[in-house]
Amino acid sequence: MYILKKLAIWLLIILMLSITYKDISNISITNDGPQLKQQKEQPIFSSYHVITKKVQAGETVLSIMEEINQSKLNHLNIEKIIQDFQTVNPHTDPFRLEVGKYYYFPAYE
């Protein structure tokens, strides 16, 4: 009887681990449903002019964009901001800005 309990517990543990692994390996990081709806509701700024700015310690693309586009902040989409930054800085990773270096930033009209 003791061996059956032990076997049942081990089978249950193995089953739970395999279910957890399968769930984790099938997770989709992006959820296209709500994002697509949100993008349609937000106005898209097709025109912008480019501003050159020197990056200070602790600044990111998003923090600089917030500073530059204060009045348009509620209407901006993060994915659009990153895409526009990459358009004006084609060989730059927006997630790895170098302190003291100058970059181009879109200022939306």
PDB file of N, CA and C in Angstrom:
ATOM      1  N   MET A   1       0.819  -1.186   0.000  1.00  0.00           N
ATOM      2  CA  MET A   1       0.000   0.000   0.000  1.00  0.00           C
ATOM      3  C   MET A   1       0.869   1.258   0.000  1.00  0.00           C
ATOM      4  N   TYR A   2       1.945   1.233   0.767  1.00  0.00           N
ATOM      5  CA  TYR A   2       2.851   2.370   0.862  1.00  0.00           C
ATOM      6  C   TYR A   2       3.503   2.647  -0.495  1.00  0.00           C
ATOM      7  N   ILE A   3       3.858   1.596  -1.214  1.00  0.00           N
ATOM      8  CA  ILE A   3       4.484   1.727  -2.525  1.00  0.00           C
ATOM      9  C   ILE A   3       3.507   2.338  -3.522  1.00  0.00           C
ATOM     10  N   LEU A   4       2.239   1.966  -3.462  1.00  0.00           N
ATOM     11  CA  LEU A   4       1.234   2.530  -4.364  1.00  0.00           C
ATOM     12  C   LEU A   4       1.037   4.028  -4.107  1.00  0.00           C
ATOM     13  N   LYS A   5       1.042   4.438  -2.841  1.00  0.00           N
ATOM     14  CA  LYS A   5       0.915   5.863  -2.518  1.00  0.00           C
ATOM     15  C   LYS A   5       2.104   6.643  -3.074  1.00  0.00           C
ATOM     16  N   LYS A   6       3.282   6.094  -2.862  1.00  0.00           N
ATOM     17  CA  LYS A   6       4.489   6.746  -3.342  1.00  0.00           C
ATOM     18  C   LYS A   6       4.481   6.845  -4.870  1.00  0.00           C
ATOM     19  N   LEU A   7       4.070   5.783  -5.537  1.00  0.00           N
ATOM     20  CA  LEU A   7       3.992   5.764  -6.992  1.00  0.00           C
ATOM     21  C   LEU A   7       2.956   6.777  -7.487  1.00  0.00           C
ATOM     22  N   ALA A   8       1.821   6.843  -6.827  1.00  0.00           N
ATOM     23  CA  ALA A   8       0.771   7.790  -7.212  1.00  0.00           C
ATOM     24  C   ALA A   8       1.243   9.231  -7.043  1.00  0.00           C
ATOM     25  N   ILE A   9       1.956   9.514  -5.977  1.00  0.00           N
ATOM     26  CA  ILE A   9       2.474  10.866  -5.744  1.00  0.00           C
ATOM     27  C   ILE A   9       3.487  11.235  -6.822  1.00  0.00           C
ATOM     28  N   TRP A  10       4.389  10.304  -7.149  1.00  0.00           N
ATOM     29  CA  TRP A  10       5.381  10.585  -8.189  1.00  0.00           C
ATOM     30  C   TRP A  10       4.720  10.782  -9.551  1.00  0.00           C
ATOM     31  N   LEU A  11       3.733   9.978  -9.863  1.00  0.00           N
ATOM     32  CA  LEU A  11       3.017  10.147 -11.132  1.00  0.00           C
ATOM     33  C   LEU A  11       2.308  11.501 -11.183  1.00  0.00           C
ATOM     34  N   LEU A  12       1.729  11.905 -10.072  1.00  0.00           N
ATOM     35  CA  LEU A  12       1.061  13.201  -9.991  1.00  0.00           C
ATOM     36  C   LEU A  12       2.066  14.347 -10.176  1.00  0.00           C
ATOM     37  N   ILE A  13       3.218  14.230  -9.561  1.00  0.00           N
ATOM     38  CA  ILE A  13       4.263  15.255  -9.705  1.00  0.00           C
ATOM     39  C   ILE A  13       4.734  15.338 -11.154  1.00  0.00           C
ATOM     40  N   ILE A  14       4.984  14.197 -11.771  1.00  0.00           N
ATOM     41  CA  ILE A  14       5.433  14.171 -13.164  1.00  0.00           C
ATOM     42  C   ILE A  14       4.360  14.747 -14.082  1.00  0.00           C
ATOM     43  N   LEU A  15       3.113  14.414 -13.825  1.00  0.00           N
ATOM     44  CA  LEU A  15       2.005  14.938 -14.616  1.00  0.00           C
ATOM     45  C   LEU A  15       1.919  16.462 -14.493  1.00  0.00           C
ATOM     46  N   MET A  16       2.036  16.973 -13.276  1.00  0.00           N
ATOM     47  CA  MET A  16       1.962  18.421 -13.053  1.00  0.00           C
ATOM     48  C   MET A  16       3.132  19.137 -13.731  1.00  0.00           C
ATOM     49  N   LEU A  17       4.329  18.562 -13.641  1.00  0.00           N
ATOM     50  CA  LEU A  17       5.487  19.172 -14.287  1.00  0.00           C
ATOM     51  C   LEU A  17       5.345  19.187 -15.808  1.00  0.00           C
ATOM     52  N   SER A  18       4.842  18.096 -16.373  1.00  0.00           N
ATOM     53  CA  SER A  18       4.676  18.055 -17.829  1.00  0.00           C
ATOM     54  C   SER A  18       3.595  19.031 -18.288  1.00  0.00           C
ATOM     55  N   ILE A  19       2.524  19.175 -17.522  1.00  0.00           N
ATOM     56  CA  ILE A  19       1.471  20.145 -17.856  1.00  0.00           C
ATOM     57  C   ILE A  19       2.018  21.566 -17.773  1.00  0.00           C
ATOM     58  N   THR A  20       2.781  21.848 -16.730  1.00  0.00           N
ATOM     59  CA  THR A  20       3.363  23.184 -16.567  1.00  0.00           C
ATOM     60  C   THR A  20       4.321  23.499 -17.707  1.00  0.00           C
ATOM     61  N   TYR A  21       5.160  22.540 -18.068  1.00  0.00           N
ATOM     62  CA  TYR A  21       6.099  22.749 -19.169  1.00  0.00           C
ATOM     63  C   TYR A  21       5.354  23.011 -20.473  1.00  0.00           C
ATOM     64  N   LYS A  22       4.321  22.237 -20.737  1.00  0.00           N
ATOM     65  CA  LYS A  22       3.558  22.407 -21.971  1.00  0.00           C
ATOM     66  C   LYS A  22       2.874  23.768 -22.004  1.00  0.00           C
ATOM     67  N   ASP A  23       2.328  24.207 -20.877  1.00  0.00           N
ATOM     68  CA  ASP A  23       1.685  25.522 -20.812  1.00  0.00           C
ATOM     69  C   ASP A  23       2.689  26.644 -21.040  1.00  0.00           C
ATOM     70  N   ILE A  24       3.842  26.541 -20.421  1.00  0.00           N
ATOM     71  CA  ILE A  24       4.854  27.588 -20.560  1.00  0.00           C
ATOM     72  C   ILE A  24       5.395  27.636 -21.985  1.00  0.00           C
ATOM     73  N   SER A  25       5.591  26.492 -22.604  1.00  0.00           N
ATOM     74  CA  SER A  25       6.150  26.479 -23.956  1.00  0.00           C
ATOM     75  C   SER A  25       5.150  26.959 -25.001  1.00  0.00           C
ATOM     76  N   ASN A  26       3.858  27.000 -24.691  1.00  0.00           N
ATOM     77  CA  ASN A  26       2.844  27.457 -25.640  1.00  0.00           C
ATOM     78  C   ASN A  26       2.364  28.874 -25.372  1.00  0.00           C
ATOM     79  N   ILE A  27       3.000  29.597 -24.467  1.00  0.00           N
ATOM     80  CA  ILE A  27       2.567  30.952 -24.143  1.00  0.00           C
ATOM     81  C   ILE A  27       2.905  31.882 -25.296  1.00  0.00           C
ATOM     82  N   SER A  28       1.944  32.698 -25.666  1.00  0.00           N
ATOM     83  CA  SER A  28       2.152  33.730 -26.669  1.00  0.00           C
ATOM     84  C   SER A  28       2.361  35.045 -25.941  1.00  0.00           C
ATOM     85  N   ILE A  29       3.500  35.674 -26.166  1.00  0.00           N
ATOM     86  CA  ILE A  29       3.826  36.902 -25.448  1.00  0.00           C
ATOM     87  C   ILE A  29       2.950  38.054 -25.916  1.00  0.00           C
ATOM     88  N   THR A  30       2.648  38.115 -27.197  1.00  0.00           N
ATOM     89  CA  THR A  30       1.814  39.204 -27.696  1.00  0.00           C
ATOM     90  C   THR A  30       0.365  38.763 -27.774  1.00  0.00           C
ATOM     91  N   ASN A  31      -0.496  39.689 -27.517  1.00  0.00           N
ATOM     92  CA  ASN A  31      -1.926  39.454 -27.625  1.00  0.00           C
ATOM     93  C   ASN A  31      -2.450  40.432 -28.660  1.00  0.00           C
ATOM     94  N   ASP A  32      -2.686  39.961 -29.890  1.00  0.00           N
ATOM     95  CA  ASP A  32      -3.023  40.848 -30.993  1.00  0.00           C
ATOM     96  C   ASP A  32      -4.430  41.428 -30.906  1.00  0.00           C
ATOM     97  N   GLY A  33      -5.335  40.778 -30.231  1.00  0.00           N
ATOM     98  CA  GLY A  33      -6.716  41.248 -30.173  1.00  0.00           C
ATOM     99  C   GLY A  33      -6.867  42.653 -29.619  1.00  0.00           C
ATOM    100  N   PRO A  34      -6.602  42.876 -28.346  1.00  0.00           N
ATOM    101  CA  PRO A  34      -6.778  44.204 -27.770  1.00  0.00           C
ATOM    102  C   PRO A  34      -5.846  45.256 -28.366  1.00  0.00           C
ATOM    103  N   GLN A  35      -4.637  44.876 -28.766  1.00  0.00           N
ATOM    104  CA  GLN A  35      -3.705  45.848 -29.323  1.00  0.00           C
ATOM    105  C   GLN A  35      -4.210  46.380 -30.657  1.00  0.00           C
ATOM    106  N   LEU A  36      -4.755  45.502 -31.499  1.00  0.00           N
ATOM    107  CA  LEU A  36      -5.261  45.958 -32.780  1.00  0.00           C
ATOM    108  C   LEU A  36      -6.420  46.919 -32.587  1.00  0.00           C
ATOM    109  N   LYS A  37      -7.287  46.626 -31.652  1.00  0.00           N
ATOM    110  CA  LYS A  37      -8.408  47.506 -31.380  1.00  0.00           C
ATOM    111  C   LYS A  37      -7.903  48.843 -30.853  1.00  0.00           C
ATOM    112  N   GLN A  38      -6.929  48.818 -29.981  1.00  0.00           N
ATOM    113  CA  GLN A  38      -6.385  50.032 -29.402  1.00  0.00           C
ATOM    114  C   GLN A  38      -5.690  50.871 -30.475  1.00  0.00           C
ATOM    115  N   GLN A  39      -5.002  50.248 -31.402  1.00  0.00           N
ATOM    116  CA  GLN A  39      -4.321  50.985 -32.453  1.00  0.00           C
ATOM    117  C   GLN A  39      -5.316  51.677 -33.371  1.00  0.00           C
ATOM    118  N   LYS A  40      -6.453  51.061 -33.633  1.00  0.00           N
ATOM    119  CA  LYS A  40      -7.452  51.671 -34.493  1.00  0.00           C
ATOM    120  C   LYS A  40      -8.077  52.888 -33.833  1.00  0.00           C
ATOM    121  N   GLU A  41      -8.198  52.868 -32.521  1.00  0.00           N
ATOM    122  CA  GLU A  41      -8.813  53.977 -31.812  1.00  0.00           C
ATOM    123  C   GLU A  41      -7.885  55.172 -31.701  1.00  0.00           C
ATOM    124  N   GLN A  42      -6.584  54.940 -31.666  1.00  0.00           N
ATOM    125  CA  GLN A  42      -5.634  56.025 -31.487  1.00  0.00           C
ATOM    126  C   GLN A  42      -5.320  56.670 -32.829  1.00  0.00           C
ATOM    127  N   PRO A  43      -5.270  58.002 -32.871  1.00  0.00           N
ATOM    128  CA  PRO A  43      -4.883  58.652 -34.125  1.00  0.00           C
ATOM    129  C   PRO A  43      -3.414  58.369 -34.425  1.00  0.00           C
ATOM    130  N   ILE A  44      -3.112  58.205 -35.673  1.00  0.00           N
ATOM    131  CA  ILE A  44      -1.744  57.924 -36.080  1.00  0.00           C
ATOM    132  C   ILE A  44      -1.147  59.215 -36.638  1.00  0.00           C
ATOM    133  N   PHE A  45      -0.022  59.623 -36.081  1.00  0.00           N
ATOM    134  CA  PHE A  45       0.647  60.832 -36.536  1.00  0.00           C
ATOM    135  C   PHE A  45       1.584  60.445 -37.670  1.00  0.00           C
ATOM    136  N   SER A  46       1.221  60.836 -38.872  1.00  0.00           N
ATOM    137  CA  SER A  46       2.049  60.473 -40.013  1.00  0.00           C
ATOM    138  C   SER A  46       3.131  61.510 -40.275  1.00  0.00           C
ATOM    139  N   SER A  47       2.958  62.712 -39.725  1.00  0.00           N
ATOM    140  CA  SER A  47       3.963  63.738 -39.976  1.00  0.00           C
ATOM    141  C   SER A  47       4.695  64.089 -38.684  1.00  0.00           C
ATOM    142  N   TYR A  48       5.976  64.195 -38.808  1.00  0.00           N
ATOM    143  CA  TYR A  48       6.801  64.606 -37.684  1.00  0.00           C
ATOM    144  C   TYR A  48       8.061  65.250 -38.232  1.00  0.00           C
ATOM    145  N   HIS A  49       8.687  66.051 -37.423  1.00  0.00           N
ATOM    146  CA  HIS A  49      10.002  66.566 -37.781  1.00  0.00           C
ATOM    147  C   HIS A  49      11.012  65.949 -36.818  1.00  0.00           C
ATOM    148  N   VAL A  50      12.249  65.978 -37.209  1.00  0.00           N
ATOM    149  CA  VAL A  50      13.283  65.268 -36.461  1.00  0.00           C
ATOM    150  C   VAL A  50      14.072  66.255 -35.601  1.00  0.00           C
ATOM    151  N   ILE A  51      14.292  65.858 -34.357  1.00  0.00           N
ATOM    152  CA  ILE A  51      15.080  66.639 -33.410  1.00  0.00           C
ATOM    153  C   ILE A  51      16.308  65.815 -33.027  1.00  0.00           C
ATOM    154  N   THR A  52      17.456  66.461 -32.974  1.00  0.00           N
ATOM    155  CA  THR A  52      18.682  65.796 -32.527  1.00  0.00           C
ATOM    156  C   THR A  52      18.849  66.053 -31.037  1.00  0.00           C
ATOM    157  N   LYS A  53      19.121  64.996 -30.285  1.00  0.00           N
ATOM    158  CA  LYS A  53      19.268  65.138 -28.833  1.00  0.00           C
ATOM    159  C   LYS A  53      20.401  64.248 -28.348  1.00  0.00           C
ATOM    160  N   LYS A  54      21.180  64.788 -27.416  1.00  0.00           N
ATOM    161  CA  LYS A  54      22.257  64.027 -26.779  1.00  0.00           C
ATOM    162  C   LYS A  54      21.663  63.257 -25.604  1.00  0.00           C
ATOM    163  N   VAL A  55      21.936  61.970 -25.541  1.00  0.00           N
ATOM    164  CA  VAL A  55      21.369  61.110 -24.501  1.00  0.00           C
ATOM    165  C   VAL A  55      22.172  61.261 -23.212  1.00  0.00           C
ATOM    166  N   GLN A  56      21.450  61.501 -22.127  1.00  0.00           N
ATOM    167  CA  GLN A  56      22.051  61.606 -20.797  1.00  0.00           C
ATOM    168  C   GLN A  56      21.892  60.265 -20.067  1.00  0.00           C
ATOM    169  N   ALA A  57      22.600  60.091 -18.991  1.00  0.00           N
ATOM    170  CA  ALA A  57      22.522  58.855 -18.205  1.00  0.00           C
ATOM    171  C   ALA A  57      21.100  58.652 -17.694  1.00  0.00           C
ATOM    172  N   GLY A  58      20.584  57.450 -17.842  1.00  0.00           N
ATOM    173  CA  GLY A  58      19.263  57.097 -17.339  1.00  0.00           C
ATOM    174  C   GLY A  58      18.130  57.362 -18.311  1.00  0.00           C
ATOM    175  N   GLU A  59      18.400  57.998 -19.435  1.00  0.00           N
ATOM    176  CA  GLU A  59      17.345  58.289 -20.405  1.00  0.00           C
ATOM    177  C   GLU A  59      17.133  57.107 -21.339  1.00  0.00           C
ATOM    178  N   THR A  60      15.888  56.952 -21.767  1.00  0.00           N
ATOM    179  CA  THR A  60      15.522  55.923 -22.729  1.00  0.00           C
ATOM    180  C   THR A  60      14.809  56.597 -23.889  1.00  0.00           C
ATOM    181  N   VAL A  61      14.552  55.830 -24.943  1.00  0.00           N
ATOM    182  CA  VAL A  61      13.810  56.378 -26.077  1.00  0.00           C
ATOM    183  C   VAL A  61      12.464  56.906 -25.605  1.00  0.00           C
ATOM    184  N   LEU A  62      11.776  56.142 -24.778  1.00  0.00           N
ATOM    185  CA  LEU A  62      10.448  56.560 -24.330  1.00  0.00           C
ATOM    186  C   LEU A  62      10.498  57.790 -23.435  1.00  0.00           C
ATOM    187  N   SER A  63      11.475  57.884 -22.551  1.00  0.00           N
ATOM    188  CA  SER A  63      11.540  59.061 -21.675  1.00  0.00           C
ATOM    189  C   SER A  63      11.854  60.320 -22.477  1.00  0.00           C
ATOM    190  N   ILE A  64      12.703  60.203 -23.475  1.00  0.00           N
ATOM    191  CA  ILE A  64      13.022  61.355 -24.320  1.00  0.00           C
ATOM    192  C   ILE A  64      11.819  61.729 -25.180  1.00  0.00           C
ATOM    193  N   MET A  65      11.120  60.727 -25.697  1.00  0.00           N
ATOM    194  CA  MET A  65       9.929  61.003 -26.505  1.00  0.00           C
ATOM    195  C   MET A  65       8.841  61.666 -25.665  1.00  0.00           C
ATOM    196  N   GLU A  66       8.713  61.274 -24.414  1.00  0.00           N
ATOM    197  CA  GLU A  66       7.753  61.928 -23.523  1.00  0.00           C
ATOM    198  C   GLU A  66       8.119  63.394 -23.329  1.00  0.00           C
ATOM    199  N   GLU A  67       9.397  63.664 -23.195  1.00  0.00           N
ATOM    200  CA  GLU A  67       9.876  65.038 -23.001  1.00  0.00           C
ATOM    201  C   GLU A  67       9.620  65.885 -24.253  1.00  0.00           C
ATOM    202  N   ILE A  68       9.887  65.326 -25.424  1.00  0.00           N
ATOM    203  CA  ILE A  68       9.745  66.062 -26.679  1.00  0.00           C
ATOM    204  C   ILE A  68       8.276  66.266 -27.049  1.00  0.00           C
ATOM    205  N   ASN A  69       7.448  65.256 -26.844  1.00  0.00           N
ATOM    206  CA  ASN A  69       6.052  65.271 -27.297  1.00  0.00           C
ATOM    207  C   ASN A  69       5.081  65.342 -26.130  1.00  0.00           C
ATOM    208  N   GLN A  70       5.241  66.284 -25.250  1.00  0.00           N
ATOM    209  CA  GLN A  70       4.411  66.362 -24.045  1.00  0.00           C
ATOM    210  C   GLN A  70       2.928  66.514 -24.360  1.00  0.00           C
ATOM    211  N   SER A  71       2.566  67.343 -25.316  1.00  0.00           N
ATOM    212  CA  SER A  71       1.151  67.586 -25.599  1.00  0.00           C
ATOM    213  C   SER A  71       0.496  66.421 -26.334  1.00  0.00           C
ATOM    214  N   LYS A  72       1.271  65.598 -26.996  1.00  0.00           N
ATOM    215  CA  LYS A  72       0.733  64.473 -27.770  1.00  0.00           C
ATOM    216  C   LYS A  72       0.835  63.152 -27.020  1.00  0.00           C
ATOM    217  N   LEU A  73       1.264  63.192 -25.784  1.00  0.00           N
ATOM    218  CA  LEU A  73       1.595  61.985 -25.028  1.00  0.00           C
ATOM    219  C   LEU A  73       0.435  61.000 -24.931  1.00  0.00           C
ATOM    220  N   ASN A  74      -0.780  61.464 -24.764  1.00  0.00           N
ATOM    221  CA  ASN A  74      -1.926  60.564 -24.609  1.00  0.00           C
ATOM    222  C   ASN A  74      -2.282  59.846 -25.896  1.00  0.00           C
ATOM    223  N   HIS A  75      -1.847  60.365 -27.030  1.00  0.00           N
ATOM    224  CA  HIS A  75      -2.231  59.794 -28.315  1.00  0.00           C
ATOM    225  C   HIS A  75      -1.152  58.921 -28.938  1.00  0.00           C
ATOM    226  N   LEU A  76      -0.017  58.807 -28.302  1.00  0.00           N
ATOM    227  CA  LEU A  76       1.098  58.076 -28.889  1.00  0.00           C
ATOM    228  C   LEU A  76       1.050  56.590 -28.549  1.00  0.00           C
ATOM    229  N   ASN A  77       1.463  55.793 -29.498  1.00  0.00           N
ATOM    230  CA  ASN A  77       1.522  54.349 -29.354  1.00  0.00           C
ATOM    231  C   ASN A  77       2.999  53.963 -29.223  1.00  0.00           C
ATOM    232  N   ILE A  78       3.332  53.173 -28.228  1.00  0.00           N
ATOM    233  CA  ILE A  78       4.731  52.813 -27.965  1.00  0.00           C
ATOM    234  C   ILE A  78       5.362  52.115 -29.168  1.00  0.00           C
ATOM    235  N   GLU A  79       4.632  51.229 -29.802  1.00  0.00           N
ATOM    236  CA  GLU A  79       5.174  50.527 -30.965  1.00  0.00           C
ATOM    237  C   GLU A  79       5.464  51.496 -32.103  1.00  0.00           C
ATOM    238  N   LYS A  80       4.588  52.488 -32.292  1.00  0.00           N
ATOM    239  CA  LYS A  80       4.784  53.506 -33.328  1.00  0.00           C
ATOM    240  C   LYS A  80       6.008  54.364 -33.004  1.00  0.00           C
ATOM    241  N   ILE A  81       6.180  54.705 -31.737  1.00  0.00           N
ATOM    242  CA  ILE A  81       7.338  55.496 -31.317  1.00  0.00           C
ATOM    243  C   ILE A  81       8.632  54.750 -31.635  1.00  0.00           C
ATOM    244  N   ILE A  82       8.688  53.476 -31.271  1.00  0.00           N
ATOM    245  CA  ILE A  82       9.887  52.661 -31.523  1.00  0.00           C
ATOM    246  C   ILE A  82      10.130  52.536 -33.027  1.00  0.00           C
ATOM    247  N   GLN A  83       9.069  52.304 -33.790  1.00  0.00           N
ATOM    248  CA  GLN A  83       9.193  52.166 -35.241  1.00  0.00           C
ATOM    249  C   GLN A  83       9.710  53.465 -35.869  1.00  0.00           C
ATOM    250  N   ASP A  84       9.170  54.606 -35.458  1.00  0.00           N
ATOM    251  CA  ASP A  84       9.623  55.888 -35.998  1.00  0.00           C
ATOM    252  C   ASP A  84      11.062  56.187 -35.583  1.00  0.00           C
ATOM    253  N   PHE A  85      11.431  55.835 -34.358  1.00  0.00           N
ATOM    254  CA  PHE A  85      12.815  56.022 -33.918  1.00  0.00           C
ATOM    255  C   PHE A  85      13.757  55.197 -34.788  1.00  0.00           C
ATOM    256  N   GLN A  86      13.378  53.955 -35.083  1.00  0.00           N
ATOM    257  CA  GLN A  86      14.216  53.102 -35.921  1.00  0.00           C
ATOM    258  C   GLN A  86      14.273  53.614 -37.358  1.00  0.00           C
ATOM    259  N   THR A  87      13.210  54.284 -37.806  1.00  0.00           N
ATOM    260  CA  THR A  87      13.207  54.848 -39.152  1.00  0.00           C
ATOM    261  C   THR A  87      14.238  55.968 -39.276  1.00  0.00           C
ATOM    262  N   VAL A  88      14.303  56.839 -38.281  1.00  0.00           N
ATOM    263  CA  VAL A  88      15.249  57.963 -38.347  1.00  0.00           C
ATOM    264  C   VAL A  88      16.652  57.585 -37.859  1.00  0.00           C
ATOM    265  N   ASN A  89      16.775  56.456 -37.187  1.00  0.00           N
ATOM    266  CA  ASN A  89      18.072  55.925 -36.735  1.00  0.00           C
ATOM    267  C   ASN A  89      18.173  54.466 -37.176  1.00  0.00           C
ATOM    268  N   PRO A  90      18.381  54.211 -38.474  1.00  0.00           N
ATOM    269  CA  PRO A  90      18.260  52.845 -38.994  1.00  0.00           C
ATOM    270  C   PRO A  90      19.235  51.819 -38.420  1.00  0.00           C
ATOM    271  N   HIS A  91      20.396  52.233 -37.958  1.00  0.00           N
ATOM    272  CA  HIS A  91      21.388  51.261 -37.469  1.00  0.00           C
ATOM    273  C   HIS A  91      21.531  51.307 -35.956  1.00  0.00           C
ATOM    274  N   THR A  92      20.471  51.733 -35.267  1.00  0.00           N
ATOM    275  CA  THR A  92      20.525  51.891 -33.816  1.00  0.00           C
ATOM    276  C   THR A  92      19.478  51.012 -33.157  1.00  0.00           C
ATOM    277  N   ASP A  93      19.873  50.323 -32.103  1.00  0.00           N
ATOM    278  CA  ASP A  93      18.933  49.549 -31.300  1.00  0.00           C
ATOM    279  C   ASP A  93      18.286  50.503 -30.301  1.00  0.00           C
ATOM    280  N   PRO A  94      16.962  50.686 -30.356  1.00  0.00           N
ATOM    281  CA  PRO A  94      16.308  51.647 -29.463  1.00  0.00           C
ATOM    282  C   PRO A  94      16.380  51.257 -27.990  1.00  0.00           C
ATOM    283  N   PHE A  95      16.749  50.039 -27.701  1.00  0.00           N
ATOM    284  CA  PHE A  95      16.824  49.577 -26.324  1.00  0.00           C
ATOM    285  C   PHE A  95      18.255  49.634 -25.765  1.00  0.00           C
ATOM    286  N   ARG A  96      19.198  50.102 -26.580  1.00  0.00           N
ATOM    287  CA  ARG A  96      20.601  50.178 -26.152  1.00  0.00           C
ATOM    288  C   ARG A  96      21.218  51.513 -26.577  1.00  0.00           C
ATOM    289  N   LEU A  97      20.679  52.594 -26.050  1.00  0.00           N
ATOM    290  CA  LEU A  97      21.229  53.912 -26.354  1.00  0.00           C
ATOM    291  C   LEU A  97      22.520  54.120 -25.572  1.00  0.00           C
ATOM    292  N   GLU A  98      23.469  54.807 -26.195  1.00  0.00           N
ATOM    293  CA  GLU A  98      24.749  55.083 -25.553  1.00  0.00           C
ATOM    294  C   GLU A  98      24.731  56.488 -24.969  1.00  0.00           C
ATOM    295  N   VAL A  99      25.130  56.618 -23.721  1.00  0.00           N
ATOM    296  CA  VAL A  99      25.170  57.909 -23.038  1.00  0.00           C
ATOM    297  C   VAL A  99      26.196  58.808 -23.727  1.00  0.00           C
ATOM    298  N   GLY A 100      25.809  60.066 -23.955  1.00  0.00           N
ATOM    299  CA  GLY A 100      26.704  61.033 -24.570  1.00  0.00           C
ATOM    300  C   GLY A 100      26.658  61.057 -26.085  1.00  0.00           C
ATOM    301  N   LYS A 101      25.920  60.150 -26.688  1.00  0.00           N
ATOM    302  CA  LYS A 101      25.825  60.085 -28.137  1.00  0.00           C
ATOM    303  C   LYS A 101      24.567  60.827 -28.596  1.00  0.00           C
ATOM    304  N   TYR A 102      24.615  61.418 -29.789  1.00  0.00           N
ATOM    305  CA  TYR A 102      23.474  62.136 -30.346  1.00  0.00           C
ATOM    306  C   TYR A 102      22.628  61.187 -31.194  1.00  0.00           C
ATOM    307  N   TYR A 103      21.312  61.288 -31.035  1.00  0.00           N
ATOM    308  CA  TYR A 103      20.364  60.498 -31.809  1.00  0.00           C
ATOM    309  C   TYR A 103      19.279  61.420 -32.352  1.00  0.00           C
ATOM    310  N   TYR A 104      18.598  60.951 -33.388  1.00  0.00           N
ATOM    311  CA  TYR A 104      17.456  61.670 -33.947  1.00  0.00           C
ATOM    312  C   TYR A 104      16.184  61.149 -33.291  1.00  0.00           C
ATOM    313  N   PHE A 105      15.287  62.070 -32.935  1.00  0.00           N
ATOM    314  CA  PHE A 105      14.012  61.703 -32.329  1.00  0.00           C
ATOM    315  C   PHE A 105      12.883  62.388 -33.080  1.00  0.00           C
ATOM    316  N   PRO A 106      11.807  61.653 -33.394  1.00  0.00           N
ATOM    317  CA  PRO A 106      10.673  62.289 -34.064  1.00  0.00           C
ATOM    318  C   PRO A 106       9.865  63.150 -33.093  1.00  0.00           C
ATOM    319  N   ALA A 107       9.557  64.372 -33.532  1.00  0.00           N
ATOM    320  CA  ALA A 107       8.674  65.266 -32.779  1.00  0.00           C
ATOM    321  C   ALA A 107       7.393  65.376 -33.591  1.00  0.00           C
ATOM    322  N   TYR A 108       6.325  64.802 -33.079  1.00  0.00           N
ATOM    323  CA  TYR A 108       5.070  64.728 -33.819  1.00  0.00           C
ATOM    324  C   TYR A 108       4.370  66.075 -33.858  1.00  0.00           C
ATOM    325  N   GLU A 109       3.720  66.326 -34.979  1.00  0.00           N
ATOM    326  CA  GLU A 109       3.009  67.599 -35.167  1.00  0.00           C
ATOM    327  C   GLU A 109       1.535  67.446 -34.896  1.00  0.00           C
TER     328      GLU A 109
END
